[in-house]
Amino acid sequence: MQSRTHTCGELRITDAGKKVVLAGWMENFTGTVRERSSKNPKQDTGDIEVVPEKVTVLGRCRYNELPFEINHSREADESARLKYRYLDIRNPEVKKNLILRSNVIAALRNAMIAHNFMEITTPILTVSSPEGARDYLVPARKHPGKFYALPQAPQQFKQLLMVSGIDRYFQIAPCFRDEDARGDRCPGEFYQLDMEMAFASQDDVFEIIEDVLPPVFAKYGKYNRASGSPFTRIPYLEAMEKYGSDKPDLRIDLTVTDATELLRTEEFAPFAEGEIKAVVISDFHESRKFIDKTMSDCEIQSGSKGYWFRMDENGEIVGGISKFVAPKKDEVVAKLGLKPDTLVVLSAGPNGQAQKMAGVLVKTFGAAVPGHMDKEQYAFCWIVDFPMYEIGEESGELEFCHNPFSMPSGGLDVLLKAERGEIDPLTIMADQYDLVVNGIELSSGAVRNHDPEIMIKAFELVRLGEEDVKKKFPAMYNAFCYGAPPHAGIAPGVDRMVMLLSGEETIREVIPFPMNKNAQDIMMDAPGYVTDKQLEELHISITKTESSEE
């Protein structure tokens, strides 16, 4: 076999008359390049064609038919696509996402190096630690009864690098979490642009991200508009009140108004107690059927009941729960700023429930009602000032709200006040931040708690003492006792980033070999059973097996 002389997309009109050898899918041939009689201006190679002299099949299909037509693989059942992913990727529409992913990662890497970050890889086999999700555990053959864990993130390692004297670290880091799948999250593994900066504040991290990401989105994104620096900053509590979510989609112009006092009434049971949130939608001209369908979608997403009324073209309150609202018409119109042709959708219940439903109403109606969503852009924002603590749903006791390694705003002093009962620990904010784009959380980050004294006090509030901290985080605690610089970091998700740039609806479309929704790799048949000998070597016995049919 003679090596190819050119790639298929390399030839141009200047190559006319050359004898070439090309290799590619579907057909391989040797021939002479000539100018086309009818040119195709839409193709880079549209001025020429190759007259074949010989065709050699290098790898033939041994089956009578393919599981799906290659160029229409995206129309096939997802199970078939995942089982034959190597055929699915032959489809140019599928392959272009992997090309995009490669280009984006290269651009991110180059940008980070240009900002004087050092690329360092951290261990894959490490120890289990409480980071919010289930670990993937790996039995240790040489240490019976003990297990490694695949890292949920390189969190501790990158902080230890700061103690080591590394000034700026990054890597395209693989992370492993045993989580359920959803549209913007694959089970198993994902990748993130992990970074950490020594002697840095929140503003230093923001400055880097606001310099690195916009050019990547501008060059590779489906939309040609993206937020410029500085990104909008929204405190967490304000985001929950104004948007009903800590992941607001700023492409939508709808916001939430608290209508608890305005609409409180004993005559309508859902409004007799709890909180009432209203979303006012102007220039509304859709049908009653549209309202019912969209509201039903919101109720399915949130698990809560929604309500509505509207002001018609004549300025009258009609539809939905209008009979409970009409008696307060003048006050409602004034406080909600209603005009003719306006729809008001509402949620009610305990604060968390009402907020969640309001957030769903904003996003769902905002996307569905014409004129309220400027879709073709990337709208970035920072969510800042997260609560340090929360009351756990299961425990009913004080727990960390997000990252336990974050620095509390106010440092040791505010923790001591909480310990003495001078302030409510739920009012303590943390120097934590989320990066959100188009309603999707792209990343979480924080200024780290680098002081052992502050760290111990922060853990004591959630009933963990110094010995617990030493036991759970021995390397980090000991390292910090030798002196650690102030440091901060963040880790934008690469998979989600590429999903946003490509405009795909699910993250599986931008991952080379994704698992299905049940965390199975049906192409490789993983997870799978292992032999008794392997189990014996690992000192493991199976006490309960899956059904033989599975």
Protein backbone atom coordinates (compact mmCIF):
# COMPACT_ATOMS: atom_id res chain seq x y z
CA MET A 1 0.00 0.00 0.00
CA GLN A 2 1.37 3.37 -1.00
CA SER A 3 1.04 6.08 1.65
CA ARG A 4 -1.43 8.81 0.80
CA THR A 5 0.07 11.92 -0.69
CA HIS A 6 -2.62 14.34 0.47
CA THR A 7 -5.61 14.47 2.79
CA CYS A 8 -9.02 14.66 1.13
CA GLY A 9 -9.62 18.28 2.10
CA GLU A 10 -6.14 19.52 1.20
CA LEU A 11 -6.29 19.67 -2.61
CA ARG A 12 -6.91 22.98 -4.44
CA ILE A 13 -7.00 24.26 -8.02
CA THR A 14 -3.21 24.74 -7.88
CA ASP A 15 -2.90 20.93 -7.63
CA ALA A 16 -4.56 20.37 -11.03
CA GLY A 17 -2.59 17.84 -13.07
CA LYS A 18 -0.96 16.13 -10.09
CA LYS A 19 -1.21 12.41 -9.58
CA VAL A 20 -2.27 11.79 -5.99
CA VAL A 21 -3.12 8.99 -3.59
CA LEU A 22 -6.02 9.67 -1.23
CA ALA A 23 -7.46 7.57 1.59
CA GLY A 24 -10.77 7.98 3.32
CA TRP A 25 -13.99 6.42 4.48
CA MET A 26 -16.41 4.81 2.04
CA GLU A 27 -13.96 4.95 -0.86
CA ASN A 28 -10.17 4.97 -1.42
CA PHE A 29 -8.77 5.77 -4.81
CA THR A 30 -5.66 6.80 -6.79
CA GLY A 31 -6.10 9.32 -9.61
CA THR A 32 -5.28 12.65 -11.26
CA VAL A 33 -6.53 16.01 -10.03
CA ARG A 34 -8.38 18.09 -12.60
CA GLU A 35 -10.42 21.27 -12.65
CA ARG A 36 -14.16 20.76 -12.36
CA SER A 37 -16.38 21.70 -15.25
CA SER A 38 -19.13 22.72 -12.77
CA LYS A 39 -17.58 24.18 -9.63
CA ASN A 40 -19.05 24.17 -6.13
CA PRO A 41 -18.28 27.51 -4.39
CA LYS A 42 -19.64 26.17 -1.06
CA GLN A 43 -16.74 23.71 -0.69
CA ASP A 44 -13.05 24.52 -0.19
CA THR A 45 -12.26 21.75 -2.68
CA GLY A 46 -15.13 22.73 -5.00
CA ASP A 47 -12.85 23.84 -7.85
CA ILE A 48 -11.33 20.41 -8.46
CA GLU A 49 -12.07 16.69 -8.63
CA VAL A 50 -9.96 13.54 -8.80
CA VAL A 51 -10.28 11.14 -11.74
CA PRO A 52 -9.74 7.67 -10.19
CA GLU A 53 -7.42 5.19 -11.83
CA LYS A 54 -7.54 2.53 -9.11
CA VAL A 55 -9.67 1.78 -6.04
CA THR A 56 -8.37 -0.44 -3.19
CA VAL A 57 -10.53 -1.53 -0.28
CA LEU A 58 -8.44 -1.38 2.91
CA GLY A 59 -11.03 -2.47 5.44
CA ARG A 60 -14.34 -3.94 4.34
CA CYS A 61 -17.53 -4.36 6.33
CA ARG A 62 -18.11 -8.06 7.08
CA TYR A 63 -21.76 -7.60 8.00
CA ASN A 64 -24.66 -7.44 5.58
CA GLU A 65 -25.90 -4.15 6.93
CA LEU A 66 -25.00 -1.37 9.36
CA PRO A 67 -27.00 -0.80 12.58
CA PHE A 68 -27.98 2.61 11.19
CA GLU A 69 -27.20 4.81 8.21
CA ILE A 70 -24.01 6.66 9.11
CA ASN A 71 -25.01 10.13 7.90
CA HIS A 72 -28.36 9.82 9.70
CA SER A 73 -27.08 8.25 12.92
CA ARG A 74 -28.46 11.08 15.08
CA GLU A 75 -31.93 9.94 14.09
CA ALA A 76 -31.27 6.43 15.43
CA ASP A 77 -32.22 5.12 18.87
CA GLU A 78 -29.78 6.38 21.50
CA SER A 79 -28.99 2.86 22.71
CA ALA A 80 -27.88 1.88 19.23
CA ARG A 81 -25.79 5.03 18.93
CA LEU A 82 -24.02 4.34 22.22
CA LYS A 83 -23.47 0.65 21.49
CA TYR A 84 -21.95 1.45 18.09
CA ARG A 85 -20.44 4.79 19.07
CA TYR A 86 -17.45 4.21 16.79
CA LEU A 87 -19.86 4.17 13.83
CA ASP A 88 -21.86 7.10 15.20
CA ILE A 89 -18.70 9.23 15.30
CA ARG A 90 -18.15 8.62 11.56
CA ASN A 91 -21.12 10.92 11.02
CA PRO A 92 -19.64 14.39 10.27
CA GLU A 93 -22.34 16.03 12.41
CA VAL A 94 -21.23 13.97 15.41
CA LYS A 95 -17.53 14.24 14.72
CA LYS A 96 -17.66 18.04 14.52
CA ASN A 97 -18.48 18.16 18.24
CA LEU A 98 -15.33 16.20 19.06
CA ILE A 99 -13.32 18.53 16.81
CA LEU A 100 -14.88 21.48 18.63
CA ARG A 101 -14.01 19.89 21.96
CA SER A 102 -10.39 19.44 20.90
CA ASN A 103 -10.13 23.04 19.70
CA VAL A 104 -11.71 24.43 22.86
CA ILE A 105 -9.40 22.46 25.16
CA ALA A 106 -6.38 23.62 23.15
CA ALA A 107 -7.57 27.24 23.37
CA LEU A 108 -8.14 26.97 27.13
CA ARG A 109 -4.74 25.40 27.67
CA ASN A 110 -2.98 28.08 25.61
CA ALA A 111 -4.81 30.87 27.44
CA MET A 112 -3.92 29.51 30.86
CA ILE A 113 -0.25 29.12 29.94
CA ALA A 114 -0.30 32.68 28.59
CA HIS A 115 -1.50 33.79 32.03
CA ASN A 116 1.51 32.07 33.64
CA PHE A 117 -0.35 29.04 34.99
CA MET A 118 1.62 25.80 35.31
CA GLU A 119 -0.07 22.60 34.12
CA ILE A 120 0.26 19.87 36.75
CA THR A 121 -1.52 16.51 36.80
CA THR A 122 -2.77 15.22 40.15
CA PRO A 123 -3.41 11.60 41.30
CA ILE A 124 -6.37 9.53 40.14
CA LEU A 125 -6.11 6.99 42.96
CA THR A 126 -6.63 8.85 46.22
CA VAL A 127 -8.61 8.66 49.46
CA SER A 128 -12.34 8.99 49.96
CA SER A 129 -13.39 12.39 51.31
CA PRO A 130 -16.75 14.06 51.97
CA GLU A 131 -17.21 16.35 48.96
CA GLY A 132 -20.95 16.15 48.40
CA ALA A 133 -21.35 13.17 46.03
CA ARG A 134 -20.78 9.41 46.15
CA ASP A 135 -17.25 8.20 45.54
CA TYR A 136 -16.19 5.52 43.11
CA LEU A 137 -14.18 3.13 45.28
CA VAL A 138 -11.25 0.95 44.20
CA PRO A 139 -10.20 -1.98 46.45
CA ALA A 140 -6.54 -2.01 47.41
CA ARG A 141 -5.08 -5.48 46.75
CA LYS A 142 -2.05 -4.96 49.00
CA HIS A 143 -4.11 -3.50 51.82
CA PRO A 144 -7.05 -5.82 52.57
CA GLY A 145 -10.19 -4.02 53.66
CA LYS A 146 -8.95 -0.64 52.45
CA PHE A 147 -10.06 1.30 49.38
CA TYR A 148 -8.80 4.02 47.12
CA ALA A 149 -11.30 6.52 45.74
CA LEU A 150 -11.37 8.17 42.35
CA PRO A 151 -11.25 11.94 42.95
CA GLN A 152 -14.50 13.87 42.79
CA ALA A 153 -12.21 16.84 42.05
CA PRO A 154 -8.51 17.63 42.61
CA GLN A 155 -9.61 19.95 45.44
CA GLN A 156 -7.16 18.95 48.14
CA PHE A 157 -4.26 18.36 45.79
CA LYS A 158 -4.50 21.78 44.18
CA GLN A 159 -4.62 23.45 47.59
CA LEU A 160 -1.58 21.44 48.66
CA LEU A 161 0.20 22.73 45.55
CA MET A 162 -0.39 26.26 46.86
CA VAL A 163 1.32 25.25 50.11
CA SER A 164 4.12 23.77 47.98
CA GLY A 165 4.98 27.17 46.54
CA ILE A 166 3.30 26.75 43.14
CA ASP A 167 1.95 30.20 42.32
CA ARG A 168 -0.60 29.35 39.59
CA TYR A 169 -1.79 25.82 38.80
CA PHE A 170 -4.16 24.38 36.22
CA GLN A 171 -5.07 21.14 34.50
CA ILE A 172 -7.83 19.72 32.31
CA ALA A 173 -8.83 17.46 35.18
CA PRO A 174 -10.86 14.23 35.07
CA CYS A 175 -13.35 14.03 37.95
CA PHE A 176 -15.41 11.05 39.09
CA ARG A 177 -18.77 11.18 40.85
CA ASP A 178 -21.36 8.45 41.26
CA GLU A 179 -24.30 10.71 40.39
CA ASP A 180 -27.52 10.28 38.45
CA ALA A 181 -27.60 11.55 34.88
CA ARG A 182 -29.43 14.61 33.63
CA GLY A 183 -29.33 16.77 30.51
CA ASP A 184 -26.25 18.76 31.55
CA ARG A 185 -24.51 16.02 33.56
CA CYS A 186 -23.27 12.58 32.62
CA PRO A 187 -22.87 9.92 35.30
CA GLY A 188 -19.40 8.66 36.05
CA GLU A 189 -16.75 11.04 34.83
CA PHE A 190 -16.42 14.57 33.57
CA TYR A 191 -13.65 17.07 32.87
CA GLN A 192 -13.05 20.55 34.20
CA LEU A 193 -10.60 23.39 33.72
CA ASP A 194 -9.23 23.19 37.24
CA MET A 195 -7.22 26.17 38.47
CA GLU A 196 -5.88 27.65 41.69
CA MET A 197 -3.99 30.88 42.43
CA ALA A 198 -1.77 31.70 45.43
CA PHE A 199 -1.91 35.14 47.09
CA ALA A 200 -5.22 35.69 45.30
CA SER A 201 -8.64 37.11 46.07
CA GLN A 202 -12.06 36.54 44.52
CA ASP A 203 -11.46 39.48 42.17
CA ASP A 204 -8.20 37.93 40.94
CA VAL A 205 -10.03 34.73 39.96
CA PHE A 206 -12.80 36.70 38.26
CA GLU A 207 -10.28 38.70 36.27
CA ILE A 208 -8.64 35.55 34.89
CA ILE A 209 -11.92 33.83 33.98
CA GLU A 210 -13.34 36.99 32.39
CA ASP A 211 -10.20 37.20 30.25
CA VAL A 212 -9.96 33.50 29.32
CA LEU A 213 -13.54 32.46 28.55
CA PRO A 214 -15.10 35.26 26.41
CA PRO A 215 -12.61 34.85 23.52
CA VAL A 216 -13.25 31.08 23.48
CA PHE A 217 -17.01 31.61 23.40
CA ALA A 218 -16.66 34.33 20.75
CA LYS A 219 -14.53 32.15 18.48
CA TYR A 220 -16.18 28.76 18.88
CA GLY A 221 -19.71 29.50 20.09
CA LYS A 222 -22.92 28.98 18.16
CA TYR A 223 -23.89 32.56 19.03
CA ASN A 224 -21.69 35.53 18.17
CA ARG A 225 -22.50 37.56 21.29
CA ALA A 226 -21.17 36.97 24.79
CA SER A 227 -21.00 39.02 27.99
CA GLY A 228 -17.94 41.18 28.26
CA SER A 229 -15.90 41.92 31.37
CA PRO A 230 -16.91 42.51 34.07
CA PHE A 231 -19.66 39.89 34.33
CA THR A 232 -22.76 40.83 36.32
CA ARG A 233 -22.42 39.91 40.02
CA ILE A 234 -25.56 38.81 41.89
CA PRO A 235 -25.58 37.90 45.61
CA TYR A 236 -27.10 34.46 46.21
CA LEU A 237 -30.02 35.68 48.31
CA GLU A 238 -30.85 38.34 45.71
CA ALA A 239 -30.74 35.74 42.92
CA MET A 240 -33.18 33.53 44.80
CA GLU A 241 -35.56 36.44 45.43
CA LYS A 242 -35.32 38.03 41.99
CA TYR A 243 -35.05 34.95 39.76
CA GLY A 244 -36.17 32.09 42.01
CA SER A 245 -32.89 30.35 41.22
CA ASP A 246 -29.15 30.54 41.86
CA LYS A 247 -28.70 29.74 38.16
CA PRO A 248 -30.53 32.65 36.48
CA ASP A 249 -30.75 32.85 32.70
CA LEU A 250 -30.10 36.53 32.04
CA ARG A 251 -31.26 36.19 28.44
CA ILE A 252 -34.80 36.26 29.91
CA ASP A 253 -36.22 39.62 31.01
CA LEU A 254 -38.70 38.20 33.55
CA THR A 255 -38.18 38.50 37.32
CA VAL A 256 -39.96 37.42 40.50
CA THR A 257 -41.94 39.77 42.75
CA ASP A 258 -42.90 38.89 46.30
CA ALA A 259 -46.71 39.20 46.44
CA THR A 260 -47.28 37.62 49.84
CA GLU A 261 -48.85 40.63 51.57
CA LEU A 262 -50.51 41.83 48.39
CA LEU A 263 -52.39 38.62 47.63
CA ARG A 264 -52.81 37.06 51.09
CA THR A 265 -56.43 35.90 51.48
CA GLU A 266 -58.29 33.39 53.60
CA GLU A 267 -60.78 32.83 50.79
CA PHE A 268 -58.24 30.92 48.67
CA ALA A 269 -56.53 28.17 50.70
CA PRO A 270 -53.17 28.11 48.84
CA PHE A 271 -52.79 31.86 49.55
CA ALA A 272 -53.86 31.67 53.19
CA GLU A 273 -50.35 30.92 54.48
CA GLY A 274 -46.78 30.58 53.28
CA GLU A 275 -45.30 32.87 50.64
CA ILE A 276 -46.69 34.01 47.30
CA LYS A 277 -44.42 34.82 44.33
CA ALA A 278 -45.56 36.52 41.13
CA VAL A 279 -44.02 36.68 37.66
CA VAL A 280 -45.45 39.45 35.46
CA ILE A 281 -45.37 38.78 31.70
CA SER A 282 -46.21 41.81 29.55
CA ASP A 283 -47.29 41.85 25.89
CA PHE A 284 -48.99 38.48 26.30
CA HIS A 285 -51.22 37.41 23.41
CA GLU A 286 -51.24 33.61 23.70
CA SER A 287 -54.24 31.31 24.18
CA ARG A 288 -55.71 29.71 27.30
CA LYS A 289 -54.49 26.37 25.91
CA PHE A 290 -50.94 27.78 25.77
CA ILE A 291 -51.17 28.88 29.42
CA ASP A 292 -52.44 25.49 30.59
CA LYS A 293 -49.78 23.56 28.66
CA THR A 294 -46.89 25.74 29.83
CA MET A 295 -48.13 25.77 33.42
CA SER A 296 -48.42 21.98 33.35
CA ASP A 297 -44.79 21.77 32.22
CA CYS A 298 -43.77 24.00 35.14
CA GLU A 299 -45.70 21.88 37.63
CA ILE A 300 -44.03 18.70 36.40
CA GLN A 301 -40.57 20.28 36.69
CA SER A 302 -41.09 21.78 40.14
CA GLY A 303 -43.51 19.34 41.75
CA SER A 304 -45.64 22.30 42.87
CA LYS A 305 -48.94 23.82 41.84
CA GLY A 306 -48.99 27.04 39.82
CA TYR A 307 -51.68 29.72 39.48
CA TRP A 308 -52.44 32.56 37.08
CA PHE A 309 -54.64 35.45 36.08
CA ARG A 310 -54.38 38.00 33.32
CA MET A 311 -55.29 41.57 32.48
CA ASP A 312 -57.06 41.56 29.13
CA GLU A 313 -56.91 44.18 26.39
CA ASN A 314 -59.66 46.16 28.15
CA GLY A 315 -57.81 46.29 31.46
CA GLU A 316 -60.02 43.73 33.22
CA ILE A 317 -58.70 40.98 35.54
CA VAL A 318 -59.81 37.65 34.00
CA GLY A 319 -59.08 33.92 33.96
CA GLY A 320 -57.47 31.53 36.42
CA ILE A 321 -57.80 32.82 40.01
CA SER A 322 -59.11 36.22 38.91
CA LYS A 323 -62.10 36.11 41.25
CA PHE A 324 -59.76 36.17 44.25
CA VAL A 325 -57.67 38.96 42.76
CA ALA A 326 -60.34 41.24 41.26
CA PRO A 327 -61.46 42.67 44.64
CA LYS A 328 -57.93 44.11 45.05
CA LYS A 329 -57.62 45.19 41.42
CA ASP A 330 -56.40 48.76 41.95
CA GLU A 331 -53.76 47.74 44.49
CA VAL A 332 -52.62 44.75 42.42
CA VAL A 333 -52.37 46.86 39.25
CA ALA A 334 -50.37 49.54 41.05
CA LYS A 335 -47.94 47.26 42.90
CA LEU A 336 -47.35 44.82 40.03
CA GLY A 337 -47.32 47.54 37.38
CA LEU A 338 -49.93 45.80 35.26
CA LYS A 339 -50.94 46.98 31.81
CA PRO A 340 -53.47 45.55 29.32
CA ASP A 341 -52.43 42.23 27.74
CA THR A 342 -50.43 41.05 30.74
CA LEU A 343 -50.26 37.53 32.21
CA VAL A 344 -49.36 36.99 35.87
CA VAL A 345 -48.21 33.51 36.90
CA LEU A 346 -47.83 32.68 40.59
CA SER A 347 -46.44 30.16 43.06
CA ALA A 348 -47.34 29.65 46.70
CA GLY A 349 -46.20 27.65 49.71
CA PRO A 350 -43.23 27.49 52.09
CA ASN A 351 -40.45 29.84 51.01
CA GLY A 352 -38.21 27.22 49.39
CA GLN A 353 -41.11 25.65 47.52
CA ALA A 354 -42.51 28.99 46.34
CA GLN A 355 -39.06 30.17 45.19
CA LYS A 356 -38.35 26.98 43.28
CA MET A 357 -41.65 27.11 41.42
CA ALA A 358 -41.16 30.82 40.70
CA GLY A 359 -37.76 30.07 39.18
CA VAL A 360 -39.29 27.42 36.94
CA LEU A 361 -42.05 29.86 35.92
CA VAL A 362 -39.46 32.47 34.94
CA LYS A 363 -37.41 30.11 32.80
CA THR A 364 -40.27 28.16 31.22
CA PHE A 365 -42.61 31.05 30.40
CA GLY A 366 -39.64 33.27 29.55
CA ALA A 367 -38.50 30.82 26.89
CA ALA A 368 -42.01 30.06 25.61
CA VAL A 369 -43.60 33.53 25.38
CA PRO A 370 -42.35 35.49 22.34
CA GLY A 371 -40.36 38.64 23.07
CA HIS A 372 -39.04 37.79 26.53
CA MET A 373 -35.85 35.88 25.71
CA ASP A 374 -32.89 37.14 23.69
CA LYS A 375 -31.74 33.62 22.96
CA GLU A 376 -28.77 33.99 20.62
CA GLN A 377 -26.12 35.09 23.08
CA TYR A 378 -24.05 33.84 26.01
CA ALA A 379 -25.11 35.71 29.15
CA PHE A 380 -22.58 35.24 31.96
CA CYS A 381 -23.01 36.17 35.60
CA TRP A 382 -21.36 35.51 38.92
CA ILE A 383 -23.46 34.33 41.87
CA VAL A 384 -21.62 35.51 45.00
CA ASP A 385 -22.02 35.61 48.79
CA PHE A 386 -23.34 32.10 49.36
CA PRO A 387 -24.46 31.10 52.85
CA MET A 388 -21.71 29.24 54.69
CA TYR A 389 -24.18 26.96 56.49
CA GLU A 390 -27.66 25.52 56.09
CA ILE A 391 -30.00 23.24 58.00
CA GLY A 392 -29.71 19.74 56.54
CA GLU A 393 -32.94 18.31 55.14
CA GLU A 394 -32.25 14.86 56.62
CA SER A 395 -30.33 15.73 59.80
CA GLY A 396 -32.26 18.85 60.76
CA GLU A 397 -28.95 20.23 62.05
CA LEU A 398 -26.42 22.79 60.90
CA GLU A 399 -24.34 21.62 57.93
CA PHE A 400 -22.00 23.16 55.38
CA CYS A 401 -24.01 24.64 52.54
CA HIS A 402 -21.38 24.13 49.81
CA ASN A 403 -17.61 23.75 50.03
CA PRO A 404 -16.35 23.20 53.61
CA PHE A 405 -12.92 24.58 52.61
CA SER A 406 -14.26 28.06 51.85
CA MET A 407 -13.25 31.10 53.85
CA PRO A 408 -16.16 32.53 55.86
CA SER A 409 -16.72 36.22 55.13
CA GLY A 410 -15.48 37.93 58.27
CA GLY A 411 -12.97 35.19 59.10
CA LEU A 412 -12.51 33.89 62.64
CA ASP A 413 -14.35 36.80 64.25
CA VAL A 414 -17.71 35.96 62.70
CA LEU A 415 -17.36 32.28 63.65
CA LEU A 416 -16.65 33.19 67.27
CA LYS A 417 -19.73 35.42 67.35
CA ALA A 418 -21.82 32.51 66.09
CA GLU A 419 -20.28 30.22 68.70
CA ARG A 420 -21.17 32.70 71.44
CA GLY A 421 -24.73 32.99 70.15
CA GLU A 422 -24.32 36.65 69.20
CA ILE A 423 -25.34 35.96 65.60
CA ASP A 424 -27.24 33.22 63.79
CA PRO A 425 -24.74 30.95 61.97
CA LEU A 426 -27.19 30.85 59.04
CA THR A 427 -26.39 34.53 58.44
CA ILE A 428 -22.68 33.80 57.86
CA MET A 429 -21.71 34.23 54.24
CA ALA A 430 -18.82 32.45 52.54
CA ASP A 431 -16.36 33.73 49.96
CA GLN A 432 -17.85 31.31 47.42
CA TYR A 433 -18.98 31.97 43.88
CA ASP A 434 -20.64 30.23 40.96
CA LEU A 435 -20.17 31.05 37.30
CA VAL A 436 -23.49 30.80 35.45
CA VAL A 437 -24.13 31.12 31.72
CA ASN A 438 -27.55 30.87 30.06
CA GLY A 439 -29.07 29.34 33.18
CA ILE A 440 -26.44 26.61 33.48
CA GLU A 441 -23.92 26.44 36.30
CA LEU A 442 -20.56 26.29 34.58
CA SER A 443 -18.44 26.27 37.69
CA SER A 444 -18.15 26.70 41.44
CA GLY A 445 -15.19 28.25 43.20
CA ALA A 446 -14.09 29.90 46.41
CA VAL A 447 -11.49 31.75 48.37
CA ARG A 448 -10.06 28.94 50.46
CA ASN A 449 -9.88 28.67 54.22
CA HIS A 450 -6.09 28.45 54.56
CA ASP A 451 -5.84 29.07 58.32
CA PRO A 452 -6.03 25.93 60.55
CA GLU A 453 -7.53 27.91 63.43
CA ILE A 454 -10.36 29.27 61.27
CA MET A 455 -10.84 25.85 59.65
CA ILE A 456 -11.23 24.08 63.00
CA LYS A 457 -13.70 26.69 64.25
CA ALA A 458 -15.75 26.40 61.02
CA PHE A 459 -15.98 22.62 61.47
CA GLU A 460 -16.80 22.89 65.18
CA LEU A 461 -20.04 24.67 64.28
CA VAL A 462 -21.13 21.50 62.44
CA ARG A 463 -20.15 19.29 65.39
CA LEU A 464 -16.73 18.23 64.10
CA GLY A 465 -13.70 18.85 66.30
CA GLU A 466 -10.01 19.23 65.56
CA GLU A 467 -9.44 15.48 65.70
CA ASP A 468 -12.22 14.97 63.12
CA VAL A 469 -10.59 17.50 60.81
CA LYS A 470 -7.21 15.80 61.23
CA LYS A 471 -8.77 12.40 60.50
CA LYS A 472 -10.80 13.49 57.46
CA PHE A 473 -8.22 15.82 55.91
CA PRO A 474 -4.84 14.85 57.39
CA ALA A 475 -2.62 16.01 54.53
CA MET A 476 -4.32 19.39 54.16
CA TYR A 477 -4.51 20.07 57.89
CA ASN A 478 -0.86 19.19 58.44
CA ALA A 479 0.25 21.18 55.40
CA PHE A 480 -1.62 24.27 56.53
CA CYS A 481 0.07 24.01 59.94
CA TYR A 482 3.36 24.70 58.14
CA GLY A 483 1.98 27.94 56.75
CA ALA A 484 -0.23 28.37 53.69
CA PRO A 485 -0.67 31.43 51.49
CA PRO A 486 -4.12 32.91 50.90
CA HIS A 487 -5.42 31.23 47.76
CA ALA A 488 -8.51 30.93 45.61
CA GLY A 489 -9.67 28.93 42.62
CA ILE A 490 -12.41 27.71 40.36
CA ALA A 491 -13.03 24.85 37.90
CA PRO A 492 -15.32 25.49 34.88
CA GLY A 493 -16.76 22.29 33.42
CA VAL A 494 -15.32 21.48 30.01
CA ASP A 495 -18.17 19.17 28.97
CA ARG A 496 -20.83 21.76 29.80
CA MET A 497 -18.79 24.46 28.10
CA VAL A 498 -18.61 22.50 24.85
CA MET A 499 -22.33 21.67 25.11
CA LEU A 500 -23.12 25.38 25.33
CA LEU A 501 -20.77 26.27 22.49
CA SER A 502 -22.19 23.60 20.19
CA GLY A 503 -25.81 24.37 21.03
CA GLU A 504 -26.51 20.72 21.87
CA GLU A 505 -29.37 19.91 24.23
CA THR A 506 -27.64 17.04 26.05
CA ILE A 507 -24.08 16.70 27.28
CA ARG A 508 -23.71 13.18 25.84
CA GLU A 509 -23.46 14.71 22.34
CA VAL A 510 -20.09 16.30 23.15
CA ILE A 511 -18.46 13.38 25.01
CA PRO A 512 -16.52 10.85 22.91
CA PHE A 513 -17.75 7.71 24.67
CA PRO A 514 -20.55 8.61 27.09
CA MET A 515 -22.43 6.31 29.43
CA ASN A 516 -26.19 6.01 29.21
CA LYS A 517 -28.61 7.42 31.80
CA ASN A 518 -28.13 4.30 33.96
CA ALA A 519 -24.36 4.79 34.16
CA GLN A 520 -23.70 1.91 31.76
CA ASP A 521 -21.21 1.79 28.90
CA ILE A 522 -23.17 -0.52 26.63
CA MET A 523 -20.42 -0.47 24.01
CA MET A 524 -17.84 -1.96 26.42
CA ASP A 525 -20.48 -3.73 28.55
CA ALA A 526 -19.45 -1.89 31.71
CA PRO A 527 -19.90 -2.29 34.59
CA GLY A 528 -19.32 -6.01 34.30
CA TYR A 529 -18.73 -9.06 36.45
CA VAL A 530 -15.24 -10.19 37.40
CA THR A 531 -13.85 -13.64 38.16
CA ASP A 532 -13.74 -15.31 41.54
CA LYS A 533 -9.96 -15.21 41.35
CA GLN A 534 -9.98 -11.43 40.95
CA LEU A 535 -12.29 -11.09 43.92
CA GLU A 536 -10.10 -13.39 45.99
CA GLU A 537 -7.00 -11.33 45.19
CA LEU A 538 -8.85 -8.24 46.41
CA HIS A 539 -10.13 -9.98 49.55
CA ILE A 540 -13.72 -9.31 48.49
CA SER A 541 -16.75 -11.59 48.65
CA ILE A 542 -20.10 -10.92 47.01
CA THR A 543 -22.94 -11.37 49.47
CA LYS A 544 -25.73 -10.23 47.16
CA THR A 545 -25.77 -10.58 43.39
CA GLU A 546 -27.91 -9.04 40.70
CA SER A 547 -30.54 -11.17 38.98
CA SER A 548 -29.19 -13.56 36.38
CA GLU A 549 -31.27 -11.87 33.70
CA GLU A 550 -29.46 -8.53 34.08
